[in-house]
Amino acid sequence: MPARRSLAAGLFAGRAWLFSRRRLRAALRRRPRPEAPRGLAGSEADKRVPGGRLRGDEAAESAGGHRCATAAGEKRGGRRVPGEVAAKEDSPASSTGDGSAGRAAQELRQQLTRKQWRNRQKNKRRQKNKFKASDGRLLASSAADDPLDEQGGPTPDSEVPGRQTSSLRQRLESRLEAARFRYINQLLYTRSSQEAAQLFQEDPEALGVYHRGFALQAAHWPERPVERFVHYLHRRPASLVVADFGCGDCTLARSLPNRVHCFDLAALDPRVTVCDMAQVPLEDASVDVAVFCLALMGTNLREILQEAHRVLRAGGTLLVAEVASRFADLRAFLGALARLGFRLTSKDVSGSHFYTFELRKTDRAETAKAAELRGLALRPCLYKRR
C-alpha cells in the first residue's frame, strides 16, 4: 500500500513538472524578442525568421551548398524580409553622406506597419517605372524627327549624342519664329502704314521673319493671286508702266518685261523702294497699272488708295487681290472705291480663298465723307496657330 502511494505521488510530480515546463515555453514564446539594429544585414538576428528557422540561403549553406547571398528585400524561404529592404535603403552607400537620410528612413520604417511599408515600396517602383516610360516616349519622338537616308535608316547625324537636343532646339526655334510672324502680321493689319513702316525700321530682322512665315502659309494655298496678275499683264503691251504696292519678293518685276516700280515697307530685293504706301516717290499720272496683291493691310486704306489714284494716268488700271474672308460687305467696298474714282471693270469672286478685281481710273473722284467710305474697312487677315 505505501508503495502504491509513493508511485502515484511520483507520477503526479512528473506530470506537474511537465505541465510547468510547457507553460514556461509558452510564456517564452509570447515574450517580445529584442529587435536587431536596422541596417545590419549580416547580424544574427536577421538570419532567422520567427519560429527559429534558418532562411533559405543559411539552410543551403548549412547543408553544404555554395550559394551567393541574395539581394536585400528578395523573397527568401517563401517570405519577404522587410528588415533587409530597410537595410538596403538605410545603408551608408544610399545616404547623402552624413547618414541623416538613412536615419530618417530607419525611423520611418519603425513607425510603419509591414503592410504600409510594402505599399510605400510599391508606390516608389510605380513612380520609377512611370519616369522610364516617359523617357521612352521622348526617345521615340526624337527618333521620329530624325531624317532617314535613302535606305530608310537614320542618317549619321542622328547617331550623334547631341542630335536629340539639336532637334528639340530646332522645333522650339521654329515655333518661336511662327509666333513672331503671327504677331508682325497682326500689327500690319491693325495699324496704319506709317506705324508699320516704323516697325520695320526699328527691327530690321522682322522683315525676314515675316516673309519666311508668309512663304510657309502660301505653300498651303490652292493658288497664288500674283501669278494671275502675271498672266494678265503678259497679254497687255510691254510698254505699260506698273507700280507694285507691297511687292514683297518682286515676283511681278522678275516675271514681266515691263518697267515695274516696286514699293514695300522694307527691302527684300535690291529693286524695292522702301517707303510708306500712302506716300510713294512717283509723279502724278506716271504709271499705267497699279497693283495691290494682298497689300491692302493698313488701317488707312483711304490714303493708300488715293495715292494709287494720284499716280495713275487717266484710264489707268487698278488690280486688287484680297482674301475672301476680309470682305464683310462686298457691295459697300466697291461703292467706296467708286467714290474714290475707280470704276469696276471685272471681278472674280468664285474662288474659295481670294477675290480679284479690275478697275479703271475715272476723273470723277468725289470728296466723300468718312461715313460714306466705311466699306473700305476690311477685316484683318490673322493666321491661326497650326
Protein backbone atom coordinates (compact mmCIF):
# COMPACT_ATOMS: atom_id res chain seq x y z
CA MET A 1 0.00 0.00 0.00
CA PRO A 2 2.76 2.55 0.85
CA ALA A 3 4.48 1.56 -2.41
CA ARG A 4 1.37 2.39 -4.42
CA ARG A 5 1.11 5.78 -2.75
CA SER A 6 4.73 6.64 -3.47
CA LEU A 7 4.28 5.61 -7.13
CA ALA A 8 1.18 7.78 -7.51
CA ALA A 9 2.96 10.72 -5.91
CA GLY A 10 5.87 10.30 -8.34
CA LEU A 11 3.56 10.22 -11.34
CA PHE A 12 1.74 13.35 -10.10
CA ALA A 13 5.02 15.17 -9.54
CA GLY A 14 6.21 14.21 -13.05
CA ARG A 15 3.02 15.48 -14.66
CA ALA A 16 3.19 18.74 -12.69
CA TRP A 17 6.79 19.25 -13.82
CA LEU A 18 5.88 18.59 -17.47
CA PHE A 19 2.89 20.95 -17.28
CA SER A 20 5.00 23.72 -15.71
CA ARG A 21 7.63 23.24 -18.40
CA ARG A 22 5.03 23.63 -21.16
CA ARG A 23 3.67 26.80 -19.56
CA LEU A 24 7.20 28.22 -19.35
CA ARG A 25 7.80 27.53 -23.05
CA ALA A 26 4.52 29.21 -23.99
CA ALA A 27 5.40 32.24 -21.90
CA LEU A 28 8.80 32.49 -23.53
CA ARG A 29 7.22 32.36 -26.96
CA ARG A 30 4.79 35.17 -26.16
CA ARG A 31 7.54 37.41 -24.77
CA PRO A 32 8.71 40.06 -27.38
CA ARG A 33 12.17 39.35 -28.70
CA PRO A 34 14.73 42.21 -28.78
CA GLU A 35 14.85 43.72 -32.29
CA ALA A 36 18.23 43.82 -34.01
CA PRO A 37 19.52 47.18 -35.24
CA ARG A 38 18.28 48.02 -38.74
CA GLY A 39 20.89 48.23 -41.43
CA LEU A 40 22.90 45.24 -40.18
CA ALA A 41 22.02 42.76 -42.86
CA GLY A 42 24.59 40.28 -41.64
CA SER A 43 23.58 40.23 -37.93
CA GLU A 44 22.49 37.02 -36.25
CA ALA A 45 19.05 38.44 -35.50
CA ASP A 46 18.37 38.88 -39.22
CA LYS A 47 19.44 35.36 -40.07
CA ARG A 48 16.36 33.79 -38.56
CA VAL A 49 12.71 34.23 -39.21
CA PRO A 50 10.04 33.83 -36.50
CA GLY A 51 9.95 30.25 -35.26
CA GLY A 52 13.71 29.91 -35.05
CA ARG A 53 14.06 28.52 -38.58
CA LEU A 54 17.01 29.43 -40.77
CA ARG A 55 16.38 31.34 -44.01
CA GLY A 56 16.72 29.59 -47.36
CA ASP A 57 20.31 30.74 -48.01
CA GLU A 58 21.52 29.88 -44.48
CA ALA A 59 19.87 26.49 -44.71
CA ALA A 60 21.61 25.91 -48.01
CA GLU A 61 24.98 26.89 -46.53
CA SER A 62 24.44 24.66 -43.51
CA ALA A 63 23.65 21.78 -45.87
CA GLY A 64 26.96 22.32 -47.63
CA GLY A 65 25.66 24.07 -50.79
CA HIS A 66 27.52 27.06 -52.27
CA ARG A 67 25.05 29.89 -52.97
CA CYS A 68 25.56 33.66 -53.27
CA ALA A 69 23.74 35.88 -50.84
CA THR A 70 20.50 37.19 -52.30
CA ALA A 71 19.78 40.88 -52.65
CA ALA A 72 18.11 42.79 -49.86
CA GLY A 73 14.33 42.63 -49.96
CA GLU A 74 14.26 39.39 -52.04
CA LYS A 75 11.76 36.67 -51.17
CA ARG A 76 13.60 34.05 -49.10
CA GLY A 77 12.03 30.87 -47.85
CA GLY A 78 8.66 32.00 -49.22
CA ARG A 79 8.57 35.24 -47.18
CA ARG A 80 9.78 38.80 -47.82
CA VAL A 81 12.07 40.24 -45.18
CA PRO A 82 11.34 43.97 -44.77
CA GLY A 83 14.26 44.41 -42.44
CA GLU A 84 16.69 43.85 -45.29
CA VAL A 85 14.78 46.30 -47.51
CA ALA A 86 15.25 48.89 -44.84
CA ALA A 87 18.88 47.87 -44.54
CA LYS A 88 19.37 48.40 -48.25
CA GLU A 89 17.81 51.88 -48.23
CA ASP A 90 19.38 52.90 -44.94
CA SER A 91 22.91 51.77 -45.78
CA PRO A 92 25.67 54.41 -45.88
CA ALA A 93 26.01 53.96 -49.64
CA SER A 94 22.43 55.16 -50.18
CA SER A 95 22.66 58.07 -47.75
CA THR A 96 23.61 61.59 -48.68
CA GLY A 97 26.97 61.36 -46.98
CA ASP A 98 26.32 62.14 -43.33
CA GLY A 99 23.83 59.32 -42.71
CA SER A 100 20.93 61.68 -41.99
CA ALA A 101 18.81 60.24 -44.83
CA GLY A 102 19.47 56.69 -43.58
CA ARG A 103 18.48 57.55 -40.02
CA ALA A 104 15.29 59.21 -41.26
CA ALA A 105 14.40 56.10 -43.27
CA GLN A 106 15.11 53.95 -40.20
CA GLU A 107 12.74 55.97 -38.04
CA LEU A 108 10.07 55.89 -40.74
CA ARG A 109 10.41 52.09 -41.08
CA GLN A 110 9.95 51.64 -37.35
CA GLN A 111 6.77 53.75 -37.38
CA LEU A 112 5.12 51.90 -40.31
CA THR A 113 3.48 48.52 -40.24
CA ARG A 114 4.57 45.74 -42.57
CA LYS A 115 1.65 46.39 -44.96
CA GLN A 116 2.26 50.15 -45.02
CA TRP A 117 5.95 49.58 -45.77
CA ARG A 118 5.12 47.26 -48.67
CA ASN A 119 2.67 49.78 -50.13
CA ARG A 120 5.30 52.50 -49.85
CA GLN A 121 7.86 50.43 -51.74
CA LYS A 122 5.26 49.56 -54.40
CA ASN A 123 4.47 53.24 -54.97
CA LYS A 124 8.17 54.02 -55.36
CA ARG A 125 8.54 51.32 -58.01
CA ARG A 126 5.49 52.62 -59.87
CA GLN A 127 6.89 56.15 -59.89
CA LYS A 128 10.22 54.91 -61.20
CA ASN A 129 8.54 52.93 -63.98
CA LYS A 130 6.48 56.00 -64.88
CA PHE A 131 9.61 58.08 -65.45
CA LYS A 132 11.15 55.28 -67.50
CA ALA A 133 8.05 55.15 -69.72
CA SER A 134 8.10 58.92 -70.28
CA ASP A 135 11.80 58.75 -71.21
CA GLY A 136 10.97 56.03 -73.72
CA ARG A 137 8.26 58.15 -75.35
CA LEU A 138 10.65 61.10 -75.59
CA LEU A 139 13.28 58.94 -77.28
CA ALA A 140 10.67 57.58 -79.69
CA SER A 141 9.52 61.08 -80.66
CA SER A 142 13.08 62.24 -81.20
CA ALA A 143 13.74 59.18 -83.36
CA ALA A 144 10.68 60.03 -85.46
CA ASP A 145 12.03 63.54 -86.03
CA ASP A 146 15.41 62.28 -87.27
CA PRO A 147 15.81 62.27 -91.09
CA LEU A 148 16.20 58.99 -92.97
CA ASP A 149 18.72 58.13 -95.60
CA GLU A 150 17.95 56.53 -98.97
CA GLN A 151 17.87 53.01 -97.47
CA GLY A 152 15.35 54.08 -94.84
CA GLY A 153 17.78 54.14 -91.93
CA PRO A 154 18.78 57.09 -89.77
CA THR A 155 21.34 59.48 -91.09
CA PRO A 156 24.77 59.63 -89.40
CA ASP A 157 23.74 62.87 -87.70
CA SER A 158 21.02 61.03 -85.78
CA GLU A 159 23.63 58.85 -84.08
CA VAL A 160 25.36 61.83 -82.53
CA PRO A 161 24.54 62.15 -78.79
CA GLY A 162 23.58 65.82 -79.20
CA ARG A 163 21.16 65.09 -82.07
CA GLN A 164 18.12 64.89 -79.76
CA THR A 165 18.94 68.23 -78.16
CA SER A 166 19.52 69.92 -81.52
CA SER A 167 16.21 68.66 -82.97
CA LEU A 168 14.34 69.87 -79.90
CA ARG A 169 16.03 73.25 -80.19
CA GLN A 170 15.08 73.47 -83.87
CA ARG A 171 11.44 72.74 -83.08
CA LEU A 172 11.38 75.39 -80.37
CA GLU A 173 13.03 77.94 -82.66
CA SER A 174 10.51 77.22 -85.45
CA ARG A 175 7.61 77.68 -83.04
CA LEU A 176 9.09 80.93 -81.79
CA GLU A 177 9.54 82.24 -85.33
CA ALA A 178 5.95 81.25 -86.23
CA ALA A 179 4.70 83.16 -83.20
CA ARG A 180 6.72 86.23 -84.26
CA PHE A 181 5.27 86.01 -87.78
CA ARG A 182 1.71 85.96 -86.45
CA TYR A 183 2.46 88.94 -84.20
CA ILE A 184 4.01 91.01 -87.04
CA ASN A 185 1.15 90.10 -89.37
CA GLN A 186 -1.38 91.26 -86.79
CA LEU A 187 0.44 94.58 -86.38
CA LEU A 188 0.44 95.17 -90.14
CA TYR A 189 -3.33 94.70 -90.35
CA THR A 190 -4.27 96.61 -87.21
CA ARG A 191 -2.01 99.68 -87.57
CA SER A 192 -1.57 102.41 -90.13
CA SER A 193 1.01 102.21 -92.89
CA GLN A 194 3.16 104.85 -91.14
CA GLU A 195 3.35 102.79 -87.95
CA ALA A 196 4.10 99.65 -89.94
CA ALA A 197 6.99 101.35 -91.74
CA GLN A 198 8.38 102.49 -88.39
CA LEU A 199 8.15 98.91 -87.08
CA PHE A 200 10.44 97.57 -89.80
CA GLN A 201 12.85 100.45 -89.36
CA GLU A 202 13.23 99.69 -85.66
CA ASP A 203 13.51 95.92 -86.16
CA PRO A 204 15.22 95.02 -89.48
CA GLU A 205 15.04 91.28 -88.69
CA ALA A 206 11.24 91.45 -88.66
CA LEU A 207 11.19 91.55 -92.47
CA GLY A 208 12.92 88.18 -92.85
CA VAL A 209 10.72 86.62 -90.15
CA TYR A 210 7.56 87.88 -91.84
CA HIS A 211 8.45 86.73 -95.36
CA ARG A 212 9.59 83.28 -94.18
CA GLY A 213 6.31 82.84 -92.33
CA PHE A 214 4.38 84.17 -95.32
CA ALA A 215 6.08 81.62 -97.59
CA LEU A 216 5.08 78.79 -95.24
CA GLN A 217 1.47 79.98 -95.31
CA ALA A 218 1.45 80.39 -99.11
CA ALA A 219 2.55 76.77 -99.50
CA HIS A 220 -0.93 75.70 -98.31
CA TRP A 221 -2.84 77.92 -100.78
CA PRO A 222 -4.55 76.41 -103.83
CA GLU A 223 -3.16 79.25 -105.97
CA ARG A 224 -1.12 82.45 -105.76
CA PRO A 225 -3.01 85.58 -106.88
CA VAL A 226 0.18 87.24 -108.10
CA GLU A 227 0.51 84.57 -110.80
CA ARG A 228 -2.92 85.53 -112.11
CA PHE A 229 -1.75 89.14 -112.44
CA VAL A 230 1.42 87.97 -114.21
CA HIS A 231 -0.70 86.16 -116.84
CA TYR A 232 -2.97 89.20 -117.18
CA LEU A 233 -0.07 91.62 -117.77
CA HIS A 234 1.63 89.23 -120.22
CA ARG A 235 -1.34 89.75 -122.53
CA ARG A 236 -1.01 93.55 -122.27
CA PRO A 237 1.62 95.70 -124.05
CA ALA A 238 5.12 95.55 -122.55
CA SER A 239 5.31 99.35 -122.73
CA LEU A 240 2.90 99.76 -119.80
CA VAL A 241 4.49 101.08 -116.60
CA VAL A 242 3.48 99.14 -113.50
CA ALA A 243 3.54 100.22 -109.84
CA ASP A 244 3.57 97.25 -107.44
CA PHE A 245 2.35 98.37 -103.98
CA GLY A 246 3.56 95.90 -101.36
CA CYS A 247 5.71 93.97 -103.81
CA GLY A 248 7.29 91.52 -101.32
CA ASP A 249 9.81 89.40 -103.25
CA CYS A 250 9.26 91.32 -106.53
CA THR A 251 7.54 88.48 -108.38
CA LEU A 252 5.99 90.88 -110.90
CA ALA A 253 9.30 92.62 -111.64
CA ARG A 254 11.06 89.28 -112.15
CA SER A 255 8.30 87.84 -114.36
CA LEU A 256 7.44 90.78 -116.66
CA PRO A 257 9.37 92.64 -119.34
CA ASN A 258 7.56 95.83 -118.29
CA ARG A 259 9.06 98.58 -116.22
CA VAL A 260 7.88 97.85 -112.67
CA HIS A 261 8.21 100.20 -109.69
CA CYS A 262 8.45 98.06 -106.55
CA PHE A 263 7.35 99.58 -103.23
CA ASP A 264 7.29 97.98 -99.80
CA LEU A 265 7.81 98.77 -96.12
CA ALA A 266 11.20 97.02 -96.14
CA ALA A 267 13.58 95.80 -98.83
CA LEU A 268 13.74 92.09 -99.53
CA ASP A 269 15.18 92.69 -103.00
CA PRO A 270 17.51 95.39 -104.39
CA ARG A 271 14.71 96.56 -106.71
CA VAL A 272 12.47 97.50 -103.77
CA THR A 273 11.96 101.16 -102.85
CA VAL A 274 11.31 101.39 -99.11
CA CYS A 275 8.52 103.85 -98.35
CA ASP A 276 5.10 104.32 -96.87
CA MET A 277 2.36 103.03 -99.21
CA ALA A 278 0.46 106.27 -98.68
CA GLN A 279 3.44 108.34 -99.91
CA VAL A 280 5.27 106.72 -102.82
CA PRO A 281 8.02 108.65 -104.66
CA LEU A 282 6.25 108.91 -108.04
CA GLU A 283 4.95 111.84 -110.03
CA ASP A 284 1.26 112.40 -110.74
CA ALA A 285 -0.18 110.31 -113.61
CA SER A 286 3.11 108.49 -114.21
CA VAL A 287 2.05 104.81 -114.30
CA ASP A 288 -0.46 102.76 -116.29
CA VAL A 289 -1.17 99.91 -113.87
CA ALA A 290 -1.27 99.92 -110.06
CA VAL A 291 -1.25 96.51 -108.36
CA PHE A 292 -2.32 95.65 -104.79
CA CYS A 293 -1.80 91.91 -104.39
CA LEU A 294 -2.70 91.09 -100.76
CA ALA A 295 -1.34 94.54 -99.88
CA LEU A 296 -4.37 96.43 -98.53
CA MET A 297 -3.14 95.89 -94.99
CA GLY A 298 -3.12 99.19 -93.10
CA THR A 299 -5.97 100.88 -91.30
CA ASN A 300 -5.58 103.98 -93.54
CA LEU A 301 -6.83 102.35 -96.76
CA ARG A 302 -8.39 105.61 -97.93
CA GLU A 303 -4.99 107.38 -98.03
CA ILE A 304 -3.35 104.39 -99.75
CA LEU A 305 -5.98 104.14 -102.49
CA GLN A 306 -5.97 107.89 -103.02
CA GLU A 307 -2.21 107.67 -103.57
CA ALA A 308 -2.79 104.98 -106.22
CA HIS A 309 -5.37 107.27 -107.87
CA ARG A 310 -2.81 110.10 -107.92
CA VAL A 311 -0.02 108.17 -109.66
CA LEU A 312 -2.31 106.50 -112.27
CA ARG A 313 -2.87 108.06 -115.68
CA ALA A 314 -6.38 108.76 -116.88
CA GLY A 315 -7.97 105.42 -117.76
CA GLY A 316 -5.26 103.54 -115.88
CA THR A 317 -5.90 100.11 -114.40
CA LEU A 318 -6.12 99.19 -110.71
CA LEU A 319 -5.67 95.48 -109.94
CA VAL A 320 -6.68 94.27 -106.45
CA ALA A 321 -6.46 90.76 -104.98
CA GLU A 322 -7.53 90.08 -101.41
CA VAL A 323 -8.52 87.25 -99.10
CA ALA A 324 -12.21 86.45 -99.48
CA SER A 325 -12.90 86.37 -95.75
CA ARG A 326 -11.87 90.01 -95.36
CA PHE A 327 -14.95 91.37 -97.12
CA ALA A 328 -17.83 91.94 -94.74
CA ASP A 329 -19.89 93.79 -97.41
CA LEU A 330 -18.56 93.48 -100.97
CA ARG A 331 -21.08 95.93 -102.42
CA ALA A 332 -20.11 98.59 -99.86
CA PHE A 333 -16.42 98.08 -100.71
CA LEU A 334 -16.97 98.56 -104.44
CA GLY A 335 -19.19 101.58 -103.74
CA ALA A 336 -16.44 103.19 -101.67
CA LEU A 337 -13.94 102.59 -104.49
CA ALA A 338 -16.34 104.25 -106.94
CA ARG A 339 -16.45 107.36 -104.74
CA LEU A 340 -12.64 107.43 -104.76
CA GLY A 341 -12.61 107.44 -108.59
CA PHE A 342 -12.34 103.73 -109.53
CA ARG A 343 -14.98 102.12 -111.76
CA LEU A 344 -15.32 98.33 -111.64
CA THR A 345 -14.47 96.60 -114.94
CA SER A 346 -14.43 92.93 -113.95
CA LYS A 347 -14.32 90.81 -110.83
CA ASP A 348 -13.80 87.17 -109.89
CA VAL A 349 -15.42 86.16 -106.59
CA SER A 350 -15.76 82.47 -107.41
CA GLY A 351 -12.57 81.46 -105.61
CA SER A 352 -12.71 79.89 -102.16
CA HIS A 353 -9.70 81.82 -100.88
CA PHE A 354 -9.23 85.03 -102.92
CA TYR A 355 -11.24 87.68 -104.76
CA THR A 356 -9.72 89.65 -107.65
CA PHE A 357 -10.92 92.96 -109.12
CA GLU A 358 -10.03 95.03 -112.19
CA LEU A 359 -10.97 98.74 -112.01
CA ARG A 360 -10.44 101.84 -114.18
CA LYS A 361 -9.48 105.26 -113.01
CA THR A 362 -12.10 107.95 -113.62
CA ASP A 363 -11.75 111.71 -113.31
CA ARG A 364 -14.92 112.00 -111.26
CA ALA A 365 -13.47 111.35 -107.84
CA GLU A 366 -15.79 112.56 -105.10
CA THR A 367 -14.78 114.26 -101.91
CA ALA A 368 -16.63 111.67 -99.88
CA LYS A 369 -17.01 111.89 -96.14
CA ALA A 370 -15.59 109.30 -93.80
CA ALA A 371 -19.08 107.92 -93.11
CA GLU A 372 -19.54 107.18 -96.82
CA LEU A 373 -16.26 105.22 -97.03
CA ARG A 374 -16.87 102.76 -94.23
CA GLY A 375 -16.92 99.92 -96.74
CA LEU A 376 -13.16 100.28 -97.19
CA ALA A 377 -12.59 98.94 -93.68
CA LEU A 378 -11.72 95.30 -94.36
CA ARG A 379 -11.37 92.61 -91.74
CA PRO A 380 -7.80 91.83 -90.67
CA CYS A 381 -6.35 88.61 -92.04
CA LEU A 382 -4.97 86.86 -88.96
CA TYR A 383 -3.33 83.45 -89.21
CA LYS A 384 -4.24 80.86 -86.63
CA ARG A 385 -1.71 78.66 -84.91
CA ARG A 386 -1.38 75.35 -86.81
